[in-house]
Structures are given as C-alpha cells and as structure tokens.
Amino acid sequence: MPALVVPGAVALAASPALPLPGVGASVPDSGGFLVGTVATLMDDDAAAARGYGAALDVDPDNVTLQHGTFFHALLAGDPRAVVLAARQGDGVSIYMRGNAAFIAEDWDRARADFTAVPHDRIGQIIQPMLLGWIAIAQGRDGDPALAAQVAQARGVLRVVVLHATPLGDLAEASAPGAVSPREGLALTYVLAALVVQEQMRTLAGHDATLVRRLRDVERVMLRLALQVQPTHPVARLLLAEVLQTLHQADAARAVIGAIDPHGRLAPLLTYRLALIEAGDGNPARAQALVAGLLRSQPHNPVLLGLMGDLLGMMKKPSEARAAYDRAIAISAPLGPQNWALLLSRAVASDQLGDWARAQGDLRQAVKLAPNQPELLNYLGYSMVLHGQSLPQARALLARALSLDPGNAAIRDSVGWAEFQSGAVDQALADLQQAAEKTPLDPTVNYHLGEVYLKAGRRHEAVDEFDRALHLNPDPQDLRAIRRAIGALNGP
C-alpha cells in the first residue's frame, strides 16, 4: 500500500481552529459555541455539530462557525454536512460536492469537482479512481485503463473485508464478485482510509497529536464513502472500529446497526459488535455473540482467543486458559504472530497461581517476539513480584522502556524494580514520571507512596496511599495498600 505524505493528509481534515468567545471571529451565541468546544475536546462530534450549529443559526454568515459545524456534522454523519458543503471551499467539501453530483448523475459537475480535489497525497492516490468511476458510470469502460480501475476496486473490497478481522474462510466468503460504479466510488474512499490507517500504524507511539489528526482524516474518508452508499457494510464496519477506538460505543453500535444482519458480512458484524460490547464493559454480552460465531467456526483461533479474553474479563481464569489452550493448539506451529496468545494464557495461569506455567509461556513468547514491549514488561514485572532474579528483570524492563519510552505502565515497572533493588533515587524519578502521566492509576500511586516512605517523605506517602485506596485498586494492590497504611498507623 502506498505511503502517505503526512502534511497533505493533515491539511485535508485538520480540525477547525475555532476562536475563544470574544477573540478573533465574532461568536455571538457563546453557549452553543462552548458546548461545541467542550464536545470537540471529548470527541463527541454529534454534540459538537449541534453546539456549533446552534451558534451558526444565530450568526449564519460566520465563516468560522460554518466550518466548525460542517466538519463535525460530517464526522457525525449528520445530513446537514451536505448542505453546508455547498458553502465551503476546502478540500473535504469538494469531495462531498463531487459525491452529490455523482449520486445525481450530473457527470460534468462531478468531473469538475473531482478534478479540483487537493493534490495532496490522498488526492494523488484516489483522484484517478474517482474520475474513472464517472467514466464507467457513463458506460465508457472500453478503455483498458478504466477496466483496471474496476479490477482494483474489487481487490480493495477483498483487502478491506480481510482487514476488518482475520476470520479466515468466513471473511473470504464475504467478498462479492461484482462492483457497481457507486460501490466502486465508495470503495475508493475506503482505500484512502486504509492508507491513512497504515500511516497511523507507522506513527504509533511517536506523535499523538498527528495520529489524532490522521484519525479524523480516516473518519472523513469513511463518511465520504457512506455519503455515496449509506448502508455500505465494509465502510460501516471500519467506521465502527474507529469509533470504538475513540470510546464512542453508542455511536459505533448505531453505525453497524444499519448493516443487514443477514447479509454477507453478518459474521463480521457480530465480531465487531462483540468487540464493542467488550470495550464498553459488557463482557457477558460479548461472550454470547462470540459463542454464536464459534458454533459455526469451532476451530477459529481468533474467536477462541477472543473468548479467552472475555472469560478473563469475567474473572474466570480457568475457563479463559482452556480457551487459550485450544487456540494455541490450533495455531501450532507457533510463530511471532502468536506472542499475544501466549501472553494471554500466561496471565490466566498467573491468576490461577501457576507461575511456573505462566513463566514458560512468557519465555516462549519472548523467543518468538523479542521486541514486544508489553510482553517484556509483563515478564519483567512479574519476576519482580515473584522475587526472581532482579538483575534479569531490570534488564527486561529496561529493554521494554527503550522500545516504548512514553509508556507510563512500563516506567512504573522500571521504578518498582529499581525500588526493590535498593535504588531509591532512581525509583523516585521514574515513578514520579509515571504518576505525572497516569495520576489516577492506583498501582502507580501505591508504588510512589512506598518510595516516598522509604525516602523519609511520610506526608507525601500518606497522600499517595490515600489516593490509591480511593481509585479501585485490584485485590493484590488493595491488600498491600492497607498493609502500608496499617504500618503507618501502628505503634
């Protein structure tokens, strides 16, 4: 897949720079504007569109409010975006106007709009396809180059279906053989979303602000696809995945709710809905959905692994381990891609008090995937907790931190290992950094409290212990926190 030139992508859908009330552009309805601003910060595009739209109703000629309302209405799938696009001059609105002309079969207008799309990297990739689908819709598909565009669109659909979830034969069976011009146009935007997604994977862990903006670009492309084909199942599946990532479970459910539950992508719909329910704290609902899928695919390792995860969320480590056992047996011989399954089974074994088996899985996983920071962190931290080879544990954790230096959980593990080794000053520095990034993590607060206590900073230790106690710590940390507080209050 072609690499995306980041600056052009960000320019395509950068979030509108809306001024504060009384600064720059006039915003008379400060209530609606403030609602829109807060909703923007909370990634609630529907509320943002309503808020900015209320301000726009009072001042309909305000260009700033026009752009803010348009942008968030587009991201929320609000039909008002199509109307507002006619008054916008940026790249996104050009795509929307071209789509509207295509739907109306106004080929000259569509061609003029798509010819005028920005010449950033996304435009360079998809503009020939957009123009090609116009020609195909007009019946001018005798040109071999245009026929190639049809073949490419069919290939895109297969790639997207397989991307939505690796369900093997089930996903393969979901790809249809024919693509209409309208579906081809929609899939062109899906391709653009996949290009952006690839760029985000490349940037993960390096530039959070840029990744956030690219996430907006991805949503814009998927909403453009749905403007062309409102019920397109692949675009809806991918958009639901994005919304789930943004913790918008209700919006994600609404997006996939428009997919035909009996259509060719029904199994993928069920899988995505299970992930949404799991992410929204409903593992029992998710388990019921996955159980239904397993009835038709009892030997699918992806589904078995997800079932193990759900059982783990439901505090059933024995059943979770059994599900992982089946998934791992089916996946043999294991390769680097199976490290997460081994880690998950190790967590279940550790919860069952079977550290020996857990450690075996962890060490096998490290051999298969030696550069996975999450894996190195779990093994190193667990070794500290079990009192095993602190130098080796610290080496594993240092390696994990070098691979993901911004990860507060790993820095907490490093600090705790340093504390257990007697390096109090180093531990204090690392745990303070971890607490700055995750101030509401009870484990980090407890660890920092222990280090403060060792350093003679009793009042600060009490504050950290008290904070940790009120942040719903897990049972092991809760016992440790209570012991620490009891010791402070003792004779």
Protein backbone atom coordinates (compact mmCIF):
# COMPACT_ATOMS: atom_id res chain seq x y z
CA MET A 1 0.00 0.00 0.00
CA PRO A 2 1.43 3.45 -0.87
CA ALA A 3 2.92 5.51 1.90
CA LEU A 4 1.05 8.64 2.88
CA VAL A 5 2.71 12.05 2.84
CA VAL A 6 1.65 13.29 6.24
CA PRO A 7 1.48 17.09 5.72
CA GLY A 8 -1.02 16.78 2.89
CA ALA A 9 -3.18 14.39 4.85
CA VAL A 10 -3.33 16.66 7.86
CA ALA A 11 -4.20 19.64 5.67
CA LEU A 12 -7.11 17.67 4.25
CA ALA A 13 -9.02 17.38 7.51
CA ALA A 14 -7.32 19.39 10.22
CA SER A 15 -9.79 20.17 13.00
CA PRO A 16 -11.18 23.69 12.59
CA ALA A 17 -9.40 26.34 14.62
CA LEU A 18 -12.37 27.88 16.40
CA PRO A 19 -11.59 31.03 18.42
CA LEU A 20 -12.50 31.56 22.04
CA PRO A 21 -15.52 33.82 22.61
CA GLY A 22 -14.51 37.43 22.19
CA VAL A 23 -11.25 36.55 20.41
CA GLY A 24 -10.88 36.78 16.65
CA ALA A 25 -14.10 35.96 14.80
CA SER A 26 -17.34 37.03 16.41
CA VAL A 27 -19.24 34.21 18.13
CA PRO A 28 -22.48 35.73 19.46
CA ASP A 29 -24.03 32.52 20.80
CA SER A 30 -21.33 31.70 23.33
CA GLY A 31 -23.47 28.97 24.91
CA GLY A 32 -23.69 26.94 21.73
CA PHE A 33 -20.09 27.68 20.92
CA LEU A 34 -18.91 26.49 24.33
CA VAL A 35 -20.99 23.32 24.00
CA GLY A 36 -19.32 22.68 20.65
CA THR A 37 -15.85 23.36 22.04
CA VAL A 38 -16.26 21.01 25.01
CA ALA A 39 -17.80 18.33 22.81
CA THR A 40 -14.85 18.63 20.41
CA LEU A 41 -12.42 18.02 23.26
CA MET A 42 -14.47 14.94 24.24
CA ASP A 43 -14.54 13.58 20.66
CA ASP A 44 -18.35 13.87 20.61
CA ASP A 45 -18.87 15.04 17.05
CA ALA A 46 -22.68 14.91 17.13
CA ALA A 47 -22.79 17.21 20.16
CA ALA A 48 -20.12 19.45 18.63
CA ALA A 49 -22.13 19.79 15.43
CA ARG A 50 -25.25 20.66 17.44
CA GLY A 51 -23.39 23.20 19.56
CA TYR A 52 -21.66 24.97 16.69
CA GLY A 53 -24.86 24.66 14.66
CA ALA A 54 -26.84 26.48 17.37
CA ALA A 55 -24.31 29.30 17.25
CA LEU A 56 -24.45 29.28 13.44
CA ASP A 57 -28.26 29.63 13.49
CA VAL A 58 -27.79 32.93 15.31
CA ASP A 59 -24.97 34.10 13.02
CA PRO A 60 -25.40 32.23 9.72
CA ASP A 61 -22.71 34.24 7.89
CA ASN A 62 -19.96 33.43 10.41
CA VAL A 63 -17.37 31.54 8.34
CA THR A 64 -15.67 30.07 11.39
CA LEU A 65 -18.92 28.58 12.67
CA GLN A 66 -19.83 27.37 9.19
CA HIS A 67 -16.60 25.41 9.00
CA GLY A 68 -16.86 24.03 12.54
CA THR A 69 -20.45 22.92 12.05
CA PHE A 70 -19.66 21.39 8.66
CA PHE A 71 -16.59 19.49 9.85
CA HIS A 72 -18.23 17.93 12.91
CA ALA A 73 -21.51 17.28 11.10
CA LEU A 74 -19.51 15.35 8.51
CA LEU A 75 -17.70 13.31 11.17
CA ALA A 76 -21.00 12.59 12.91
CA GLY A 77 -22.78 11.57 9.70
CA ASP A 78 -25.22 14.48 10.06
CA PRO A 79 -27.08 15.19 6.78
CA ARG A 80 -26.59 18.90 7.44
CA ALA A 81 -22.99 18.47 6.26
CA VAL A 82 -24.13 18.03 2.65
CA VAL A 83 -25.97 21.35 2.75
CA LEU A 84 -23.07 23.13 4.44
CA ALA A 85 -20.58 21.70 1.93
CA ALA A 86 -22.04 23.99 -0.74
CA ARG A 87 -20.81 26.99 1.28
CA GLN A 88 -17.31 25.64 1.99
CA GLY A 89 -14.19 26.00 -0.11
CA ASP A 90 -11.83 23.44 1.43
CA GLY A 91 -10.81 20.02 0.13
CA VAL A 92 -13.30 17.95 2.10
CA SER A 93 -16.28 19.93 0.82
CA ILE A 94 -15.08 19.46 -2.77
CA TYR A 95 -15.23 15.69 -2.30
CA MET A 96 -18.73 15.98 -0.81
CA ARG A 97 -19.97 18.14 -3.67
CA GLY A 98 -18.48 15.71 -6.19
CA ASN A 99 -20.22 12.83 -4.43
CA ALA A 100 -23.55 14.67 -4.53
CA ALA A 101 -23.15 15.32 -8.25
CA PHE A 102 -22.23 11.65 -8.85
CA ILE A 103 -25.34 10.49 -6.99
CA ALA A 104 -27.45 12.91 -9.06
CA GLU A 105 -25.74 11.60 -12.23
CA ASP A 106 -24.55 15.12 -13.04
CA TRP A 107 -21.37 13.79 -14.60
CA ASP A 108 -19.98 17.13 -15.78
CA ARG A 109 -20.35 18.67 -12.32
CA ALA A 110 -18.88 15.57 -10.66
CA ARG A 111 -15.94 15.58 -13.05
CA ALA A 112 -15.30 19.29 -12.40
CA ASP A 113 -15.36 18.78 -8.61
CA PHE A 114 -13.17 15.68 -8.60
CA THR A 115 -10.72 17.40 -10.95
CA ALA A 116 -10.43 20.18 -8.36
CA VAL A 117 -9.66 17.98 -5.32
CA PRO A 118 -6.46 18.91 -3.45
CA HIS A 119 -3.25 17.49 -4.91
CA ASP A 120 -2.01 16.15 -1.59
CA ARG A 121 -1.02 12.50 -1.27
CA ILE A 122 -4.58 11.29 -0.77
CA GLY A 123 -5.78 13.26 -3.77
CA GLN A 124 -2.97 11.87 -5.91
CA ILE A 125 -3.94 8.32 -4.95
CA ILE A 126 -7.71 8.48 -5.36
CA GLN A 127 -8.39 11.22 -7.93
CA PRO A 128 -7.79 8.93 -10.95
CA MET A 129 -10.18 6.37 -9.45
CA LEU A 130 -12.86 9.00 -8.79
CA LEU A 131 -12.67 10.20 -12.39
CA GLY A 132 -12.52 6.62 -13.62
CA TRP A 133 -15.77 5.69 -11.87
CA ILE A 134 -17.50 8.62 -13.57
CA ALA A 135 -16.43 7.29 -16.94
CA ILE A 136 -17.51 3.77 -16.02
CA ALA A 137 -20.90 5.01 -14.81
CA GLN A 138 -21.34 6.70 -18.19
CA GLY A 139 -20.66 3.39 -19.94
CA ARG A 140 -17.25 4.48 -21.23
CA ASP A 141 -15.46 1.44 -19.86
CA GLY A 142 -13.90 0.20 -23.10
CA ASP A 143 -10.61 1.80 -22.19
CA PRO A 144 -8.31 -0.86 -20.64
CA ALA A 145 -7.14 1.64 -18.04
CA LEU A 146 -10.70 2.07 -16.79
CA ALA A 147 -11.24 -1.68 -16.73
CA ALA A 148 -8.17 -1.89 -14.50
CA GLN A 149 -9.85 0.54 -12.08
CA VAL A 150 -12.81 -1.86 -11.79
CA ALA A 151 -10.47 -4.74 -11.02
CA GLN A 152 -8.65 -2.60 -8.48
CA ALA A 153 -11.93 -1.73 -6.74
CA ARG A 154 -12.79 -5.43 -6.45
CA GLY A 155 -9.38 -6.04 -4.95
CA VAL A 156 -9.89 -3.20 -2.48
CA LEU A 157 -13.10 -4.79 -1.22
CA ARG A 158 -11.32 -8.05 -0.51
CA VAL A 159 -8.49 -6.24 1.28
CA VAL A 160 -10.96 -4.28 3.42
CA VAL A 161 -13.02 -7.34 4.36
CA LEU A 162 -9.89 -9.18 5.39
CA HIS A 163 -8.69 -6.11 7.28
CA ALA A 164 -11.88 -5.84 9.32
CA THR A 165 -10.97 -9.02 11.22
CA PRO A 166 -8.85 -12.06 10.41
CA LEU A 167 -11.69 -14.58 10.37
CA GLY A 168 -10.18 -16.64 7.59
CA ASP A 169 -12.62 -18.53 5.37
CA LEU A 170 -15.55 -16.60 6.77
CA ALA A 171 -14.07 -13.29 5.58
CA GLU A 172 -13.01 -14.76 2.24
CA ALA A 173 -16.55 -15.87 1.58
CA SER A 174 -17.82 -12.36 2.20
CA ALA A 175 -16.29 -10.67 -0.87
CA PRO A 176 -18.72 -10.32 -3.79
CA GLY A 177 -17.63 -10.69 -7.37
CA ALA A 178 -19.19 -7.57 -8.92
CA VAL A 179 -18.70 -3.90 -8.13
CA SER A 180 -21.10 -1.20 -9.33
CA PRO A 181 -19.77 2.28 -10.15
CA ARG A 182 -21.35 3.67 -6.99
CA GLU A 183 -19.81 0.93 -4.86
CA GLY A 184 -16.51 1.49 -6.61
CA LEU A 185 -16.64 5.19 -5.71
CA ALA A 186 -17.38 4.32 -2.09
CA LEU A 187 -14.54 1.79 -2.01
CA THR A 188 -12.15 4.43 -3.33
CA TYR A 189 -12.69 6.37 -0.12
CA VAL A 190 -12.31 3.17 1.89
CA LEU A 191 -8.93 2.69 0.21
CA ALA A 192 -7.95 6.21 1.29
CA ALA A 193 -8.96 5.37 4.86
CA LEU A 194 -6.75 2.28 4.76
CA VAL A 195 -3.81 4.35 3.53
CA VAL A 196 -4.28 6.71 6.48
CA GLN A 197 -4.59 3.74 8.82
CA GLU A 198 -1.26 2.40 7.60
CA GLN A 199 0.34 5.78 8.31
CA MET A 200 -1.09 5.78 11.84
CA ARG A 201 0.43 2.38 12.50
CA THR A 202 3.79 3.75 11.39
CA LEU A 203 3.48 6.76 13.71
CA ALA A 204 2.06 4.90 16.73
CA GLY A 205 3.87 5.88 19.91
CA HIS A 206 5.70 8.79 18.30
CA ASP A 207 3.35 11.73 17.67
CA ALA A 208 0.00 11.53 19.44
CA THR A 209 -1.26 14.84 18.05
CA LEU A 210 -0.56 13.84 14.48
CA VAL A 211 -2.11 10.42 14.98
CA ARG A 212 -5.24 12.10 16.35
CA ARG A 213 -5.50 14.30 13.28
CA LEU A 214 -4.96 11.36 10.98
CA ARG A 215 -7.76 9.58 12.83
CA ASP A 216 -10.01 12.47 11.80
CA VAL A 217 -8.87 12.05 8.18
CA GLU A 218 -9.72 8.35 8.36
CA ARG A 219 -13.20 9.12 9.63
CA VAL A 220 -13.69 11.76 6.93
CA MET A 221 -12.85 9.23 4.21
CA LEU A 222 -15.25 6.66 5.66
CA ARG A 223 -18.03 9.23 5.99
CA LEU A 224 -17.46 10.20 2.34
CA ALA A 225 -17.88 6.53 1.43
CA LEU A 226 -21.16 6.43 3.35
CA GLN A 227 -22.36 9.60 1.64
CA VAL A 228 -22.16 7.65 -1.63
CA GLN A 229 -23.55 4.39 -0.21
CA PRO A 230 -25.18 4.99 3.20
CA THR A 231 -25.53 1.30 4.03
CA HIS A 232 -22.15 0.16 2.71
CA PRO A 233 -21.28 -2.65 5.15
CA VAL A 234 -17.50 -2.53 4.81
CA ALA A 235 -17.29 1.23 5.39
CA ARG A 236 -19.62 0.88 8.36
CA LEU A 237 -17.56 -1.92 9.87
CA LEU A 238 -14.38 0.13 9.59
CA LEU A 239 -16.04 3.28 10.93
CA ALA A 240 -17.40 1.31 13.88
CA GLU A 241 -13.85 0.15 14.59
CA VAL A 242 -12.64 3.77 14.61
CA LEU A 243 -15.47 4.91 16.88
CA GLN A 244 -14.77 2.02 19.23
CA THR A 245 -11.15 3.16 19.43
CA LEU A 246 -12.43 6.63 20.39
CA HIS A 247 -14.60 5.03 23.14
CA GLN A 248 -17.82 6.05 21.37
CA ALA A 249 -19.63 2.76 21.90
CA ASP A 250 -23.14 4.08 21.27
CA ALA A 251 -22.08 5.74 18.03
CA ALA A 252 -20.30 2.55 16.96
CA ARG A 253 -23.41 0.48 17.66
CA ALA A 254 -25.52 2.92 15.65
CA VAL A 255 -23.13 2.73 12.70
CA ILE A 256 -23.17 -1.05 12.44
CA GLY A 257 -26.88 -1.17 13.28
CA ALA A 258 -27.59 -0.15 9.68
CA ILE A 259 -25.84 -3.25 8.30
CA ASP A 260 -28.09 -6.07 7.13
CA PRO A 261 -27.85 -8.66 9.96
CA HIS A 262 -28.46 -11.42 7.43
CA GLY A 263 -26.15 -10.10 4.70
CA ARG A 264 -22.83 -11.43 3.51
CA LEU A 265 -20.92 -9.58 6.24
CA ALA A 266 -23.16 -10.65 9.10
CA PRO A 267 -20.41 -12.70 10.84
CA LEU A 268 -18.01 -9.74 10.70
CA LEU A 269 -20.76 -7.51 12.06
CA THR A 270 -21.25 -9.87 15.00
CA TYR A 271 -17.50 -9.97 15.64
CA ARG A 272 -17.22 -6.18 15.63
CA LEU A 273 -20.26 -5.85 17.90
CA ALA A 274 -18.64 -8.29 20.33
CA LEU A 275 -15.53 -6.10 20.45
CA ILE A 276 -17.66 -3.01 21.01
CA GLU A 277 -19.53 -4.67 23.89
CA ALA A 278 -16.28 -5.85 25.43
CA GLY A 279 -14.76 -2.39 25.17
CA ASP A 280 -17.88 -0.89 26.74
CA GLY A 281 -17.62 -3.14 29.79
CA ASN A 282 -20.17 -5.77 28.75
CA PRO A 283 -18.12 -8.99 28.50
CA ALA A 284 -21.13 -11.26 29.08
CA ARG A 285 -22.94 -9.81 26.06
CA ALA A 286 -19.78 -10.09 24.01
CA GLN A 287 -19.28 -13.70 25.12
CA ALA A 288 -22.77 -14.64 23.93
CA LEU A 289 -22.02 -13.15 20.50
CA VAL A 290 -18.67 -14.93 20.19
CA ALA A 291 -20.22 -18.21 21.34
CA GLY A 292 -22.65 -17.93 18.45
CA LEU A 293 -19.80 -17.43 15.98
CA LEU A 294 -17.90 -20.38 17.43
CA ARG A 295 -20.84 -22.67 16.73
CA SER A 296 -20.15 -22.26 13.02
CA GLN A 297 -16.35 -21.94 13.37
CA PRO A 298 -15.34 -24.03 16.39
CA HIS A 299 -11.69 -24.19 15.36
CA ASN A 300 -11.09 -20.49 14.64
CA PRO A 301 -8.12 -19.37 16.78
CA VAL A 302 -9.08 -15.68 16.60
CA LEU A 303 -12.52 -16.38 18.04
CA LEU A 304 -11.11 -18.76 20.66
CA GLY A 305 -8.56 -16.14 21.70
CA LEU A 306 -11.28 -13.51 22.00
CA MET A 307 -13.38 -15.93 24.04
CA GLY A 308 -10.43 -16.35 26.40
CA ASP A 309 -10.09 -12.58 26.73
CA LEU A 310 -13.78 -12.22 27.56
CA LEU A 311 -13.69 -15.01 30.14
CA GLY A 312 -10.68 -13.29 31.68
CA MET A 313 -12.65 -10.05 31.91
CA MET A 314 -15.38 -12.02 33.66
CA LYS A 315 -12.88 -13.25 36.29
CA LYS A 316 -12.93 -16.84 35.03
CA PRO A 317 -9.21 -17.56 34.55
CA SER A 318 -9.58 -21.34 34.44
CA GLU A 319 -12.10 -21.21 31.58
CA ALA A 320 -10.06 -18.50 29.89
CA ARG A 321 -6.95 -20.67 29.97
CA ALA A 322 -8.89 -23.57 28.45
CA ALA A 323 -9.95 -21.33 25.55
CA TYR A 324 -6.36 -20.19 25.05
CA ASP A 325 -5.20 -23.82 25.16
CA ARG A 326 -7.47 -24.61 22.22
CA ALA A 327 -6.44 -21.51 20.28
CA ILE A 328 -2.75 -22.24 20.75
CA ALA A 329 -3.12 -25.91 19.84
CA ILE A 330 -4.94 -24.97 16.62
CA SER A 331 -2.32 -22.32 15.78
CA ALA A 332 0.66 -24.71 16.03
CA PRO A 333 3.39 -24.45 14.98
CA LEU A 334 3.56 -21.08 16.71
CA GLY A 335 5.23 -18.08 15.11
CA PRO A 336 5.95 -14.46 16.07
CA GLN A 337 2.31 -13.53 15.42
CA ASN A 338 1.19 -15.79 18.29
CA TRP A 339 3.02 -13.99 21.10
CA ALA A 340 -0.19 -12.31 22.34
CA LEU A 341 -1.94 -15.66 22.74
CA LEU A 342 0.92 -16.96 24.85
CA LEU A 343 0.91 -13.78 26.93
CA SER A 344 -2.84 -14.06 27.49
CA ARG A 345 -2.54 -17.68 28.61
CA ALA A 346 0.33 -16.70 30.89
CA VAL A 347 -1.84 -14.04 32.54
CA ALA A 348 -4.58 -16.62 33.16
CA SER A 349 -2.06 -19.09 34.60
CA ASP A 350 -0.58 -16.39 36.83
CA GLN A 351 -4.05 -15.55 38.14
CA LEU A 352 -4.55 -19.25 38.92
CA GLY A 353 -1.32 -19.27 40.94
CA ASP A 354 0.53 -21.35 38.35
CA TRP A 355 3.58 -19.11 37.92
CA ALA A 356 5.76 -21.92 36.58
CA ARG A 357 3.47 -22.47 33.59
CA ALA A 358 2.97 -18.74 33.14
CA GLN A 359 6.71 -18.15 33.06
CA GLY A 360 7.16 -20.90 30.48
CA ASP A 361 4.63 -19.26 28.16
CA LEU A 362 6.18 -15.85 28.67
CA ARG A 363 9.69 -17.02 27.87
CA GLN A 364 8.47 -18.85 24.77
CA ALA A 365 6.66 -15.70 23.67
CA VAL A 366 9.81 -13.61 24.16
CA LYS A 367 11.75 -16.03 21.98
CA LEU A 368 9.14 -15.68 19.25
CA ALA A 369 8.74 -11.89 19.56
CA PRO A 370 11.71 -10.38 21.41
CA ASN A 371 10.78 -6.77 20.70
CA GLN A 372 7.26 -6.55 22.11
CA PRO A 373 7.39 -4.04 25.00
CA GLU A 374 4.09 -5.20 26.54
CA LEU A 375 5.40 -8.76 26.71
CA LEU A 376 8.80 -7.77 28.12
CA ASN A 377 7.09 -5.58 30.70
CA TYR A 378 4.78 -8.34 31.91
CA LEU A 379 7.60 -10.86 32.24
CA GLY A 380 9.99 -8.42 33.93
CA TYR A 381 7.42 -7.02 36.35
CA SER A 382 6.11 -10.49 37.23
CA MET A 383 9.65 -11.62 38.00
CA VAL A 384 9.95 -8.68 40.42
CA LEU A 385 6.67 -9.61 42.10
CA HIS A 386 7.76 -13.25 42.40
CA GLY A 387 11.19 -12.28 43.73
CA GLN A 388 13.10 -13.79 40.81
CA SER A 389 16.45 -12.52 39.52
CA LEU A 390 16.09 -8.77 39.91
CA PRO A 391 19.04 -8.01 37.57
CA GLN A 392 17.43 -10.04 34.78
CA ALA A 393 14.04 -8.48 35.47
CA ARG A 394 15.53 -4.98 35.34
CA ALA A 395 17.24 -5.79 32.06
CA LEU A 396 13.95 -6.94 30.54
CA LEU A 397 12.17 -3.83 31.77
CA ALA A 398 14.92 -1.50 30.56
CA ARG A 399 14.60 -3.08 27.13
CA ALA A 400 10.83 -2.66 27.19
CA LEU A 401 11.20 1.02 28.12
CA SER A 402 13.72 1.59 25.33
CA LEU A 403 11.15 0.21 22.87
CA ASP A 404 8.30 2.33 24.26
CA PRO A 405 9.76 5.22 26.28
CA GLY A 406 6.46 7.05 26.64
CA ASN A 407 4.64 4.11 28.24
CA ALA A 408 3.79 5.04 31.84
CA ALA A 409 2.98 1.44 32.84
CA ILE A 410 6.43 0.28 31.77
CA ARG A 411 8.11 3.20 33.54
CA ASP A 412 6.19 2.27 36.68
CA SER A 413 7.52 -1.31 36.40
CA VAL A 414 11.06 0.01 35.95
CA GLY A 415 10.68 2.22 39.00
CA TRP A 416 9.32 -0.60 41.15
CA ALA A 417 12.16 -2.90 40.11
CA GLU A 418 14.66 -0.17 41.00
CA PHE A 419 12.99 0.27 44.37
CA GLN A 420 13.16 -3.46 45.08
CA SER A 421 16.85 -3.34 44.16
CA GLY A 422 17.51 -0.50 46.64
CA ALA A 423 17.97 2.24 44.02
CA VAL A 424 15.56 4.62 45.75
CA ASP A 425 16.58 7.83 43.96
CA GLN A 426 16.22 6.24 40.51
CA ALA A 427 12.93 4.67 41.54
CA LEU A 428 11.60 8.02 42.74
CA ALA A 429 12.43 9.76 39.48
CA ASP A 430 10.81 7.07 37.33
CA LEU A 431 7.70 6.67 39.48
CA GLN A 432 7.14 10.41 39.61
CA GLN A 433 7.24 10.46 35.80
CA ALA A 434 4.79 7.57 35.66
CA ALA A 435 2.44 9.30 38.12
CA GLU A 436 2.51 12.51 36.07
CA LYS A 437 1.30 10.60 33.02
CA THR A 438 -1.22 8.39 34.84
CA PRO A 439 -2.24 10.26 38.02
CA LEU A 440 -5.29 8.04 38.56
CA ASP A 441 -3.57 4.65 38.44
CA PRO A 442 -3.77 3.07 41.92
CA THR A 443 -0.77 0.80 41.32
CA VAL A 444 1.47 3.73 40.38
CA ASN A 445 0.20 5.77 43.35
CA TYR A 446 0.87 2.87 45.73
CA HIS A 447 4.37 2.32 44.36
CA LEU A 448 5.17 6.03 44.61
CA GLY A 449 3.88 6.05 48.18
CA GLU A 450 6.24 3.22 49.16
CA VAL A 451 9.18 5.07 47.65
CA TYR A 452 8.22 8.32 49.40
CA LEU A 453 8.04 6.42 52.67
CA LYS A 454 11.48 4.89 52.13
CA ALA A 455 12.85 8.33 51.30
CA GLY A 456 11.51 9.72 54.59
CA ARG A 457 8.72 11.76 52.97
CA ARG A 458 5.92 10.45 55.19
CA HIS A 459 3.22 13.04 54.42
CA GLU A 460 3.61 12.54 50.67
CA ALA A 461 3.50 8.78 51.18
CA VAL A 462 0.22 9.07 53.11
CA ASP A 463 -1.26 11.19 50.30
CA GLU A 464 -0.31 8.60 47.67
CA PHE A 465 -1.63 5.67 49.71
CA ASP A 466 -4.90 7.50 50.33
CA ARG A 467 -5.22 8.38 46.65
CA ALA A 468 -4.55 4.77 45.63
CA LEU A 469 -7.08 3.45 48.14
CA HIS A 470 -9.86 5.50 46.52
CA LEU A 471 -9.04 4.52 42.91
CA ASN A 472 -10.47 0.99 43.00
CA PRO A 473 -7.18 -0.96 43.14
CA ASP A 474 -7.07 -4.65 42.30
CA PRO A 475 -7.23 -7.06 45.26
CA GLN A 476 -3.46 -7.63 45.43
CA ASP A 477 -2.68 -3.90 45.47
CA LEU A 478 -5.55 -3.25 47.90
CA ARG A 479 -4.04 -5.66 50.41
CA ALA A 480 -0.61 -4.03 50.01
CA ILE A 481 -2.04 -0.53 50.41
CA ARG A 482 -3.90 -1.49 53.56
CA ARG A 483 -0.76 -3.09 55.00
CA ALA A 484 1.18 0.09 54.28
CA ILE A 485 -1.46 2.30 55.88
CA GLY A 486 -1.70 -0.07 58.84
CA ALA A 487 2.04 0.12 59.34
CA LEU A 488 1.93 3.92 59.29
CA ASN A 489 -0.86 3.96 61.86
CA GLY A 490 0.74 1.31 64.05
CA PRO A 491 2.58 1.86 67.32
